[in-house]
Amino acid sequence: MSKQQTTNERRWYVLHTYSGYEDAVAKNLRQRIESLGMEDKIFNVMVPKEKKIKIRNGKKRTVEEKLYPGYVLVEMIVTDDSWYVVRNTPNVTGFVGSGTIPLPVSLDEMASLKKRVEVEEPKYNIDFSVGDAIKITDGPFKDSDGKVSGIDKERGKVKVLINMFGRDTPLELDSLQIKKI
């Protein structure tokens, strides 16, 4: 990194890591920053995650999912020694950028990313499309077949048409009450 452009500007940079090691890289990097006294050049380490609602074994669960698997964000001032500390952290494969010159994340991108990460409400993971054939798995219409006619991702609700008494009858169900067939 001998020809590294150093700046006195505090910016966010993206690190490329081995997938699945993001949390370990963040923890190792925080320890290295503290033990090597780099708090004045490396300020924050972040693994962006968001909460989602998923079904596992028939139960509704809130899970945290990484927004960018294989990447960790670091807020730092790039100097030869700060670059070296970050680059030589175990499981870090490099900075995102050209060659040895890290490319900073734009301020707009960081603002929208922080806003997305700070949201506390979990998101529903609805894996259905309008027109999908479904089977109702819970409630008074259990084991009935139907077709998806609408989706409300904010509320986690799905509008379904089922054939009852020879006509299509609309129902609004929780996305966790149906499955694709």
N, C-alpha and C. Protein backbone atom coordinates (compact mmCIF):
# COMPACT_ATOMS: atom_id res chain seq x y z
N MET A 1 0.81 -1.19 0.00
CA MET A 1 0.00 0.00 0.00
C MET A 1 0.85 1.25 0.00
N SER A 2 2.04 1.21 -0.47
CA SER A 2 2.98 2.32 -0.38
C SER A 2 2.47 3.60 -1.05
N LYS A 3 1.70 3.49 -2.11
CA LYS A 3 1.22 4.68 -2.81
C LYS A 3 -0.21 5.04 -2.40
N GLN A 4 -0.61 4.59 -1.23
CA GLN A 4 -1.97 4.83 -0.72
C GLN A 4 -2.25 6.32 -0.55
N GLN A 5 -3.42 6.72 -1.04
CA GLN A 5 -3.83 8.11 -0.83
C GLN A 5 -4.36 8.22 0.59
N THR A 6 -3.75 9.05 1.39
CA THR A 6 -4.24 9.23 2.76
C THR A 6 -5.10 10.49 2.80
N THR A 7 -6.14 10.40 3.60
CA THR A 7 -7.01 11.57 3.76
C THR A 7 -7.21 11.78 5.25
N ASN A 8 -7.53 12.98 5.61
CA ASN A 8 -7.86 13.25 7.01
C ASN A 8 -9.36 13.28 7.18
N GLU A 9 -10.07 12.73 6.19
CA GLU A 9 -11.53 12.75 6.20
C GLU A 9 -12.07 11.43 6.76
N ARG A 10 -12.98 11.54 7.68
CA ARG A 10 -13.63 10.39 8.30
C ARG A 10 -14.75 9.93 7.36
N ARG A 11 -14.61 8.72 6.77
CA ARG A 11 -15.59 8.20 5.82
C ARG A 11 -15.86 6.73 6.08
N TRP A 12 -16.95 6.22 5.52
CA TRP A 12 -17.30 4.81 5.61
C TRP A 12 -16.72 4.08 4.41
N TYR A 13 -16.16 2.89 4.67
CA TYR A 13 -15.60 2.04 3.62
C TYR A 13 -16.17 0.63 3.76
N VAL A 14 -16.17 -0.10 2.66
CA VAL A 14 -16.70 -1.47 2.65
C VAL A 14 -15.56 -2.45 2.60
N LEU A 15 -15.60 -3.43 3.53
CA LEU A 15 -14.61 -4.51 3.55
C LEU A 15 -15.25 -5.76 2.96
N HIS A 16 -14.49 -6.48 2.16
CA HIS A 16 -14.96 -7.76 1.65
C HIS A 16 -14.41 -8.84 2.59
N THR A 17 -15.30 -9.74 3.05
CA THR A 17 -14.89 -10.81 3.96
C THR A 17 -15.37 -12.14 3.41
N TYR A 18 -14.93 -13.22 4.03
CA TYR A 18 -15.48 -14.52 3.68
C TYR A 18 -16.92 -14.55 4.17
N SER A 19 -17.82 -15.05 3.33
CA SER A 19 -19.23 -15.09 3.69
C SER A 19 -19.44 -15.95 4.94
N GLY A 20 -20.25 -15.44 5.87
CA GLY A 20 -20.49 -16.15 7.12
C GLY A 20 -19.57 -15.72 8.24
N TYR A 21 -18.54 -14.94 7.92
CA TYR A 21 -17.57 -14.49 8.93
C TYR A 21 -17.72 -13.01 9.27
N GLU A 22 -18.81 -12.39 8.84
CA GLU A 22 -18.98 -10.95 9.03
C GLU A 22 -18.93 -10.55 10.51
N ASP A 23 -19.67 -11.27 11.35
CA ASP A 23 -19.69 -10.93 12.78
C ASP A 23 -18.33 -11.17 13.43
N ALA A 24 -17.66 -12.25 13.04
CA ALA A 24 -16.33 -12.55 13.58
C ALA A 24 -15.33 -11.48 13.15
N VAL A 25 -15.41 -11.03 11.90
CA VAL A 25 -14.52 -9.98 11.42
C VAL A 25 -14.77 -8.69 12.20
N ALA A 26 -16.04 -8.33 12.41
CA ALA A 26 -16.37 -7.11 13.16
C ALA A 26 -15.81 -7.19 14.58
N LYS A 27 -15.98 -8.35 15.23
CA LYS A 27 -15.48 -8.53 16.60
C LYS A 27 -13.95 -8.45 16.63
N ASN A 28 -13.28 -9.17 15.71
CA ASN A 28 -11.81 -9.14 15.66
C ASN A 28 -11.29 -7.74 15.39
N LEU A 29 -11.94 -7.04 14.47
CA LEU A 29 -11.50 -5.69 14.13
C LEU A 29 -11.66 -4.74 15.32
N ARG A 30 -12.77 -4.85 16.04
CA ARG A 30 -12.96 -4.01 17.24
C ARG A 30 -11.86 -4.28 18.27
N GLN A 31 -11.51 -5.56 18.46
CA GLN A 31 -10.44 -5.91 19.41
C GLN A 31 -9.09 -5.37 18.95
N ARG A 32 -8.81 -5.47 17.65
CA ARG A 32 -7.54 -4.97 17.11
C ARG A 32 -7.44 -3.45 17.24
N ILE A 33 -8.56 -2.76 17.00
CA ILE A 33 -8.58 -1.29 17.12
C ILE A 33 -8.22 -0.89 18.55
N GLU A 34 -8.82 -1.60 19.51
CA GLU A 34 -8.57 -1.29 20.92
C GLU A 34 -7.14 -1.65 21.33
N SER A 35 -6.70 -2.84 20.98
CA SER A 35 -5.37 -3.29 21.43
C SER A 35 -4.23 -2.53 20.75
N LEU A 36 -4.45 -2.05 19.52
CA LEU A 36 -3.40 -1.32 18.81
C LEU A 36 -3.54 0.19 18.94
N GLY A 37 -4.53 0.64 19.73
CA GLY A 37 -4.71 2.07 19.98
C GLY A 37 -5.09 2.87 18.74
N MET A 38 -5.98 2.33 17.91
CA MET A 38 -6.35 3.00 16.65
C MET A 38 -7.70 3.72 16.75
N GLU A 39 -8.19 3.97 17.97
CA GLU A 39 -9.49 4.61 18.14
C GLU A 39 -9.56 6.00 17.51
N ASP A 40 -8.40 6.64 17.31
CA ASP A 40 -8.39 7.97 16.72
C ASP A 40 -8.45 7.94 15.19
N LYS A 41 -8.34 6.74 14.58
CA LYS A 41 -8.38 6.63 13.12
C LYS A 41 -9.48 5.70 12.62
N ILE A 42 -9.87 4.72 13.44
CA ILE A 42 -10.93 3.79 13.06
C ILE A 42 -12.03 3.92 14.11
N PHE A 43 -13.21 4.35 13.68
CA PHE A 43 -14.24 4.77 14.63
C PHE A 43 -15.38 3.77 14.83
N ASN A 44 -15.90 3.22 13.75
CA ASN A 44 -17.05 2.33 13.83
C ASN A 44 -16.87 1.11 12.93
N VAL A 45 -17.43 0.00 13.36
CA VAL A 45 -17.48 -1.21 12.56
C VAL A 45 -18.94 -1.66 12.57
N MET A 46 -19.51 -1.95 11.39
CA MET A 46 -20.92 -2.27 11.33
C MET A 46 -21.18 -3.42 10.35
N VAL A 47 -21.99 -4.38 10.80
CA VAL A 47 -22.51 -5.43 9.93
C VAL A 47 -24.01 -5.12 9.77
N PRO A 48 -24.42 -4.53 8.63
CA PRO A 48 -25.82 -4.12 8.48
C PRO A 48 -26.77 -5.33 8.48
N LYS A 49 -27.79 -5.26 9.35
CA LYS A 49 -28.77 -6.34 9.48
C LYS A 49 -30.15 -5.71 9.56
N GLU A 50 -31.17 -6.49 9.19
CA GLU A 50 -32.55 -6.05 9.39
C GLU A 50 -33.37 -7.23 9.89
N LYS A 51 -34.42 -6.90 10.64
CA LYS A 51 -35.27 -7.93 11.21
C LYS A 51 -36.34 -8.33 10.20
N LYS A 52 -36.56 -9.64 10.09
CA LYS A 52 -37.60 -10.17 9.20
C LYS A 52 -38.39 -11.22 9.95
N ILE A 53 -39.62 -11.41 9.53
CA ILE A 53 -40.45 -12.45 10.14
C ILE A 53 -40.47 -13.63 9.17
N LYS A 54 -40.15 -14.80 9.70
CA LYS A 54 -40.13 -16.01 8.88
C LYS A 54 -40.85 -17.12 9.63
N ILE A 55 -41.23 -18.15 8.89
CA ILE A 55 -41.85 -19.32 9.51
C ILE A 55 -40.82 -20.44 9.53
N ARG A 56 -40.63 -21.02 10.70
CA ARG A 56 -39.78 -22.21 10.83
C ARG A 56 -40.54 -23.21 11.67
N ASN A 57 -40.67 -24.41 11.14
CA ASN A 57 -41.40 -25.47 11.83
C ASN A 57 -42.82 -25.03 12.21
N GLY A 58 -43.46 -24.29 11.33
CA GLY A 58 -44.83 -23.85 11.56
C GLY A 58 -44.98 -22.72 12.55
N LYS A 59 -43.88 -22.15 13.05
CA LYS A 59 -43.96 -21.06 14.02
C LYS A 59 -43.41 -19.77 13.43
N LYS A 60 -44.03 -18.68 13.83
CA LYS A 60 -43.64 -17.35 13.40
C LYS A 60 -42.43 -16.91 14.23
N ARG A 61 -41.34 -16.55 13.57
CA ARG A 61 -40.13 -16.12 14.28
C ARG A 61 -39.57 -14.85 13.66
N THR A 62 -39.01 -14.01 14.52
CA THR A 62 -38.30 -12.82 14.04
C THR A 62 -36.82 -13.16 13.96
N VAL A 63 -36.25 -12.97 12.78
CA VAL A 63 -34.83 -13.28 12.59
C VAL A 63 -34.11 -12.03 12.08
N GLU A 64 -32.83 -11.94 12.43
CA GLU A 64 -32.00 -10.86 11.90
C GLU A 64 -31.24 -11.41 10.70
N GLU A 65 -31.38 -10.73 9.56
CA GLU A 65 -30.71 -11.15 8.35
C GLU A 65 -29.71 -10.09 7.93
N LYS A 66 -28.53 -10.53 7.49
CA LYS A 66 -27.52 -9.60 7.00
C LYS A 66 -27.99 -9.02 5.68
N LEU A 67 -27.87 -7.71 5.55
CA LEU A 67 -28.26 -7.06 4.30
C LEU A 67 -27.26 -7.36 3.19
N TYR A 68 -25.98 -7.42 3.55
CA TYR A 68 -24.92 -7.64 2.55
C TYR A 68 -23.99 -8.75 3.02
N PRO A 69 -24.38 -10.02 2.79
CA PRO A 69 -23.51 -11.12 3.20
C PRO A 69 -22.13 -10.99 2.54
N GLY A 70 -21.09 -11.17 3.34
CA GLY A 70 -19.73 -11.08 2.82
C GLY A 70 -19.13 -9.70 2.91
N TYR A 71 -19.84 -8.75 3.52
CA TYR A 71 -19.34 -7.38 3.61
C TYR A 71 -19.50 -6.81 5.02
N VAL A 72 -18.54 -5.97 5.42
CA VAL A 72 -18.57 -5.27 6.70
C VAL A 72 -18.25 -3.81 6.40
N LEU A 73 -18.91 -2.89 7.09
CA LEU A 73 -18.66 -1.46 6.90
C LEU A 73 -17.77 -0.94 8.02
N VAL A 74 -16.82 -0.08 7.66
CA VAL A 74 -15.89 0.50 8.63
C VAL A 74 -15.82 2.00 8.42
N GLU A 75 -16.00 2.76 9.52
CA GLU A 75 -15.84 4.21 9.47
C GLU A 75 -14.43 4.53 9.95
N MET A 76 -13.65 5.16 9.08
CA MET A 76 -12.24 5.39 9.42
C MET A 76 -11.64 6.53 8.61
N ILE A 77 -10.47 6.96 9.08
CA ILE A 77 -9.63 7.87 8.31
C ILE A 77 -8.54 6.99 7.71
N VAL A 78 -8.41 6.98 6.40
CA VAL A 78 -7.45 6.09 5.74
C VAL A 78 -6.04 6.67 5.83
N THR A 79 -5.17 5.94 6.52
CA THR A 79 -3.74 6.23 6.58
C THR A 79 -3.04 4.89 6.35
N ASP A 80 -1.74 4.90 6.19
CA ASP A 80 -1.01 3.64 5.99
C ASP A 80 -1.25 2.67 7.15
N ASP A 81 -1.17 3.18 8.39
CA ASP A 81 -1.31 2.26 9.53
C ASP A 81 -2.76 1.81 9.75
N SER A 82 -3.75 2.69 9.52
CA SER A 82 -5.14 2.24 9.69
C SER A 82 -5.51 1.24 8.59
N TRP A 83 -5.04 1.46 7.37
CA TRP A 83 -5.29 0.53 6.27
C TRP A 83 -4.70 -0.84 6.61
N TYR A 84 -3.48 -0.83 7.13
CA TYR A 84 -2.79 -2.08 7.47
C TYR A 84 -3.55 -2.86 8.56
N VAL A 85 -4.00 -2.16 9.60
CA VAL A 85 -4.73 -2.82 10.70
C VAL A 85 -6.00 -3.48 10.17
N VAL A 86 -6.74 -2.76 9.36
CA VAL A 86 -8.00 -3.29 8.84
C VAL A 86 -7.74 -4.42 7.84
N ARG A 87 -6.84 -4.19 6.92
CA ARG A 87 -6.57 -5.16 5.84
C ARG A 87 -6.01 -6.48 6.37
N ASN A 88 -5.29 -6.44 7.48
CA ASN A 88 -4.69 -7.65 8.02
C ASN A 88 -5.47 -8.27 9.17
N THR A 89 -6.74 -7.92 9.28
CA THR A 89 -7.63 -8.56 10.24
C THR A 89 -8.00 -9.93 9.67
N PRO A 90 -8.00 -10.98 10.50
CA PRO A 90 -8.34 -12.31 9.99
C PRO A 90 -9.69 -12.34 9.26
N ASN A 91 -9.74 -13.05 8.13
CA ASN A 91 -10.92 -13.25 7.28
C ASN A 91 -11.34 -12.02 6.47
N VAL A 92 -10.53 -10.96 6.48
CA VAL A 92 -10.78 -9.82 5.61
C VAL A 92 -10.03 -10.09 4.31
N THR A 93 -10.75 -10.06 3.18
CA THR A 93 -10.08 -10.32 1.91
C THR A 93 -9.69 -9.03 1.20
N GLY A 94 -10.18 -7.90 1.66
CA GLY A 94 -9.77 -6.63 1.08
C GLY A 94 -10.84 -5.57 1.19
N PHE A 95 -10.47 -4.37 0.74
CA PHE A 95 -11.41 -3.26 0.68
C PHE A 95 -12.12 -3.31 -0.67
N VAL A 96 -13.33 -2.77 -0.72
CA VAL A 96 -13.99 -2.60 -2.00
C VAL A 96 -13.43 -1.32 -2.60
N GLY A 97 -12.91 -1.41 -3.80
CA GLY A 97 -12.29 -0.28 -4.47
C GLY A 97 -11.35 -0.81 -5.54
N SER A 98 -10.58 0.07 -6.13
CA SER A 98 -9.67 -0.36 -7.18
C SER A 98 -8.28 -0.60 -6.59
N GLY A 99 -7.80 -1.81 -6.73
CA GLY A 99 -6.47 -2.17 -6.23
C GLY A 99 -6.38 -2.00 -4.72
N THR A 100 -5.41 -1.23 -4.27
CA THR A 100 -5.23 -1.03 -2.83
C THR A 100 -5.89 0.26 -2.34
N ILE A 101 -6.58 0.97 -3.24
CA ILE A 101 -7.20 2.24 -2.86
C ILE A 101 -8.67 1.99 -2.51
N PRO A 102 -9.02 2.10 -1.21
CA PRO A 102 -10.42 1.89 -0.82
C PRO A 102 -11.33 2.98 -1.37
N LEU A 103 -12.52 2.59 -1.77
CA LEU A 103 -13.50 3.52 -2.30
C LEU A 103 -14.51 3.84 -1.20
N PRO A 104 -14.65 5.12 -0.81
CA PRO A 104 -15.60 5.44 0.27
C PRO A 104 -17.05 5.29 -0.20
N VAL A 105 -17.92 4.96 0.74
CA VAL A 105 -19.35 4.87 0.47
C VAL A 105 -19.89 6.30 0.44
N SER A 106 -20.77 6.59 -0.52
CA SER A 106 -21.31 7.95 -0.62
C SER A 106 -22.15 8.27 0.62
N LEU A 107 -22.23 9.55 0.96
CA LEU A 107 -22.98 9.99 2.13
C LEU A 107 -24.46 9.65 2.00
N ASP A 108 -25.00 9.76 0.78
CA ASP A 108 -26.42 9.43 0.55
C ASP A 108 -26.68 7.95 0.80
N GLU A 109 -25.78 7.08 0.30
CA GLU A 109 -25.95 5.64 0.50
C GLU A 109 -25.89 5.29 1.98
N MET A 110 -24.97 5.90 2.71
CA MET A 110 -24.85 5.62 4.15
C MET A 110 -26.08 6.10 4.90
N ALA A 111 -26.61 7.25 4.53
CA ALA A 111 -27.81 7.77 5.20
C ALA A 111 -28.99 6.82 4.99
N SER A 112 -29.19 6.35 3.76
CA SER A 112 -30.32 5.45 3.50
C SER A 112 -30.09 4.09 4.16
N LEU A 113 -28.85 3.63 4.21
CA LEU A 113 -28.54 2.35 4.86
C LEU A 113 -28.79 2.44 6.36
N LYS A 114 -28.34 3.52 6.99
CA LYS A 114 -28.56 3.69 8.44
C LYS A 114 -30.05 3.76 8.75
N LYS A 115 -30.82 4.44 7.91
CA LYS A 115 -32.26 4.55 8.11
C LYS A 115 -32.90 3.15 8.02
N ARG A 116 -32.45 2.36 7.07
CA ARG A 116 -33.00 1.01 6.88
C ARG A 116 -32.65 0.09 8.04
N VAL A 117 -31.43 0.20 8.56
CA VAL A 117 -30.97 -0.65 9.66
C VAL A 117 -31.63 -0.26 10.98
N GLU A 118 -31.91 1.03 11.18
CA GLU A 118 -32.46 1.50 12.45
C GLU A 118 -33.92 1.16 12.65
N VAL A 119 -34.62 0.74 11.60
CA VAL A 119 -36.04 0.40 11.72
C VAL A 119 -36.18 -0.80 12.63
N GLU A 120 -37.01 -0.66 13.66
CA GLU A 120 -37.18 -1.72 14.65
C GLU A 120 -38.23 -2.75 14.25
N GLU A 121 -39.20 -2.33 13.43
CA GLU A 121 -40.28 -3.24 13.04
C GLU A 121 -39.75 -4.33 12.12
N PRO A 122 -39.96 -5.58 12.46
CA PRO A 122 -39.53 -6.64 11.56
C PRO A 122 -40.36 -6.66 10.28
N LYS A 123 -39.73 -7.11 9.20
CA LYS A 123 -40.41 -7.17 7.92
C LYS A 123 -40.95 -8.58 7.70
N TYR A 124 -42.11 -8.66 7.06
CA TYR A 124 -42.68 -9.95 6.72
C TYR A 124 -42.00 -10.46 5.46
N ASN A 125 -41.65 -11.72 5.48
CA ASN A 125 -41.03 -12.33 4.31
C ASN A 125 -42.11 -13.11 3.57
N ILE A 126 -42.76 -12.46 2.61
CA ILE A 126 -43.86 -13.07 1.88
C ILE A 126 -43.32 -13.59 0.56
N ASP A 127 -43.40 -14.93 0.42
CA ASP A 127 -42.84 -15.58 -0.75
C ASP A 127 -43.96 -16.03 -1.69
N PHE A 128 -44.94 -15.17 -1.92
CA PHE A 128 -46.06 -15.49 -2.79
C PHE A 128 -46.18 -14.40 -3.85
N SER A 129 -46.80 -14.76 -4.96
CA SER A 129 -47.12 -13.80 -6.01
C SER A 129 -48.60 -13.92 -6.34
N VAL A 130 -49.15 -12.86 -6.90
CA VAL A 130 -50.55 -12.90 -7.31
C VAL A 130 -50.70 -13.99 -8.36
N GLY A 131 -51.72 -14.83 -8.17
CA GLY A 131 -51.97 -15.93 -9.10
C GLY A 131 -51.43 -17.28 -8.62
N ASP A 132 -50.60 -17.29 -7.56
CA ASP A 132 -50.06 -18.56 -7.04
C ASP A 132 -51.17 -19.43 -6.45
N ALA A 133 -51.08 -20.73 -6.72
CA ALA A 133 -52.00 -21.69 -6.10
C ALA A 133 -51.49 -21.97 -4.69
N ILE A 134 -52.40 -21.93 -3.70
CA ILE A 134 -52.01 -22.10 -2.30
C ILE A 134 -52.93 -23.08 -1.60
N LYS A 135 -52.49 -23.54 -0.43
CA LYS A 135 -53.32 -24.35 0.46
C LYS A 135 -53.33 -23.62 1.80
N ILE A 136 -54.51 -23.51 2.40
CA ILE A 136 -54.64 -22.86 3.70
C ILE A 136 -54.24 -23.88 4.77
N THR A 137 -53.32 -23.48 5.65
CA THR A 137 -52.77 -24.41 6.64
C THR A 137 -53.29 -24.19 8.05
N ASP A 138 -54.06 -23.10 8.26
CA ASP A 138 -54.51 -22.79 9.61
C ASP A 138 -55.82 -22.01 9.55
N GLY A 139 -56.62 -22.14 10.58
CA GLY A 139 -57.86 -21.37 10.67
C GLY A 139 -59.07 -22.19 10.23
N PRO A 140 -60.23 -21.53 10.14
CA PRO A 140 -61.48 -22.25 9.83
C PRO A 140 -61.51 -22.85 8.42
N PHE A 141 -60.69 -22.33 7.50
CA PHE A 141 -60.68 -22.85 6.13
C PHE A 141 -59.48 -23.75 5.87
N LYS A 142 -58.91 -24.34 6.93
CA LYS A 142 -57.74 -25.21 6.83
C LYS A 142 -57.99 -26.30 5.79
N ASP A 143 -56.94 -26.60 5.01
CA ASP A 143 -56.93 -27.62 3.95
C ASP A 143 -57.70 -27.21 2.70
N SER A 144 -58.21 -25.97 2.64
CA SER A 144 -58.86 -25.49 1.41
C SER A 144 -57.79 -25.00 0.45
N ASP A 145 -58.05 -25.18 -0.85
CA ASP A 145 -57.14 -24.68 -1.88
C ASP A 145 -57.66 -23.34 -2.38
N GLY A 146 -56.76 -22.50 -2.81
CA GLY A 146 -57.16 -21.20 -3.32
C GLY A 146 -56.10 -20.60 -4.22
N LYS A 147 -56.33 -19.33 -4.56
CA LYS A 147 -55.41 -18.62 -5.44
C LYS A 147 -55.18 -17.23 -4.85
N VAL A 148 -53.91 -16.79 -4.83
CA VAL A 148 -53.56 -15.47 -4.29
C VAL A 148 -54.09 -14.39 -5.23
N SER A 149 -54.85 -13.43 -4.66
CA SER A 149 -55.38 -12.33 -5.47
C SER A 149 -54.78 -10.98 -5.09
N GLY A 150 -54.09 -10.90 -3.95
CA GLY A 150 -53.47 -9.65 -3.54
C GLY A 150 -52.54 -9.87 -2.36
N ILE A 151 -51.58 -8.94 -2.20
CA ILE A 151 -50.57 -9.08 -1.13
C ILE A 151 -50.38 -7.72 -0.46
N ASP A 152 -50.37 -7.72 0.88
CA ASP A 152 -50.08 -6.52 1.66
C ASP A 152 -48.82 -6.81 2.48
N LYS A 153 -47.66 -6.45 1.93
CA LYS A 153 -46.38 -6.79 2.58
C LYS A 153 -46.19 -6.07 3.91
N GLU A 154 -46.74 -4.87 4.04
CA GLU A 154 -46.58 -4.11 5.29
C GLU A 154 -47.24 -4.81 6.47
N ARG A 155 -48.43 -5.36 6.24
CA ARG A 155 -49.17 -6.01 7.32
C ARG A 155 -48.97 -7.51 7.37
N GLY A 156 -48.31 -8.09 6.34
CA GLY A 156 -48.09 -9.52 6.30
C GLY A 156 -49.36 -10.29 5.95
N LYS A 157 -50.26 -9.65 5.22
CA LYS A 157 -51.54 -10.25 4.86
C LYS A 157 -51.57 -10.61 3.38
N VAL A 158 -52.34 -11.68 3.07
CA VAL A 158 -52.50 -12.12 1.69
C VAL A 158 -53.99 -12.27 1.41
N LYS A 159 -54.45 -11.72 0.29
CA LYS A 159 -55.85 -11.90 -0.13
C LYS A 159 -55.90 -13.14 -1.00
N VAL A 160 -56.85 -14.02 -0.66
CA VAL A 160 -56.96 -15.31 -1.32
C VAL A 160 -58.39 -15.50 -1.80
N LEU A 161 -58.54 -16.13 -2.96
CA LEU A 161 -59.87 -16.51 -3.45
C LEU A 161 -60.00 -18.03 -3.29
N ILE A 162 -61.05 -18.48 -2.58
CA ILE A 162 -61.30 -19.92 -2.49
C ILE A 162 -62.67 -20.19 -3.10
N ASN A 163 -62.84 -21.39 -3.64
CA ASN A 163 -64.09 -21.74 -4.26
C ASN A 163 -65.01 -22.33 -3.19
N MET A 164 -66.10 -21.60 -2.92
CA MET A 164 -67.05 -22.04 -1.91
C MET A 164 -68.46 -21.94 -2.49
N PHE A 165 -69.19 -23.01 -2.47
CA PHE A 165 -70.55 -23.06 -3.01
C PHE A 165 -70.59 -22.64 -4.48
N GLY A 166 -69.56 -23.02 -5.23
CA GLY A 166 -69.54 -22.74 -6.67
C GLY A 166 -69.13 -21.33 -7.06
N ARG A 167 -68.69 -20.51 -6.11
CA ARG A 167 -68.22 -19.17 -6.44
C ARG A 167 -66.90 -18.88 -5.72
N ASP A 168 -66.15 -17.94 -6.30
CA ASP A 168 -64.90 -17.52 -5.67
C ASP A 168 -65.23 -16.59 -4.51
N THR A 169 -64.73 -16.94 -3.33
CA THR A 169 -64.97 -16.16 -2.13
C THR A 169 -63.64 -15.56 -1.67
N PRO A 170 -63.59 -14.23 -1.50
CA PRO A 170 -62.33 -13.60 -1.06
C PRO A 170 -62.12 -13.74 0.45
N LEU A 171 -60.89 -14.01 0.83
CA LEU A 171 -60.49 -14.07 2.24
C LEU A 171 -59.23 -13.26 2.41
N GLU A 172 -59.05 -12.68 3.59
CA GLU A 172 -57.77 -12.05 3.92
C GLU A 172 -57.15 -12.87 5.03
N LEU A 173 -55.97 -13.43 4.76
CA LEU A 173 -55.30 -14.32 5.71
C LEU A 173 -53.92 -13.80 6.02
N ASP A 174 -53.40 -14.22 7.16
CA ASP A 174 -52.01 -13.95 7.51
C ASP A 174 -51.14 -14.76 6.56
N SER A 175 -50.03 -14.21 6.13
CA SER A 175 -49.15 -14.92 5.18
C SER A 175 -48.63 -16.24 5.77
N LEU A 176 -48.68 -16.36 7.10
CA LEU A 176 -48.20 -17.57 7.73
C LEU A 176 -49.26 -18.67 7.76
N GLN A 177 -50.49 -18.35 7.32
CA GLN A 177 -51.57 -19.33 7.34
C GLN A 177 -51.70 -20.10 6.03
N ILE A 178 -50.84 -19.79 5.05
CA ILE A 178 -50.95 -20.46 3.76
C ILE A 178 -49.59 -20.96 3.30
N LYS A 179 -49.62 -21.92 2.37
CA LYS A 179 -48.39 -22.39 1.74
C LYS A 179 -48.65 -22.63 0.27
N LYS A 180 -47.58 -22.53 -0.54
CA LYS A 180 -47.70 -22.77 -1.97
C LYS A 180 -47.93 -24.26 -2.23
N ILE A 181 -48.68 -24.54 -3.31
CA ILE A 181 -48.81 -25.95 -3.72
C ILE A 181 -48.37 -26.11 -5.16
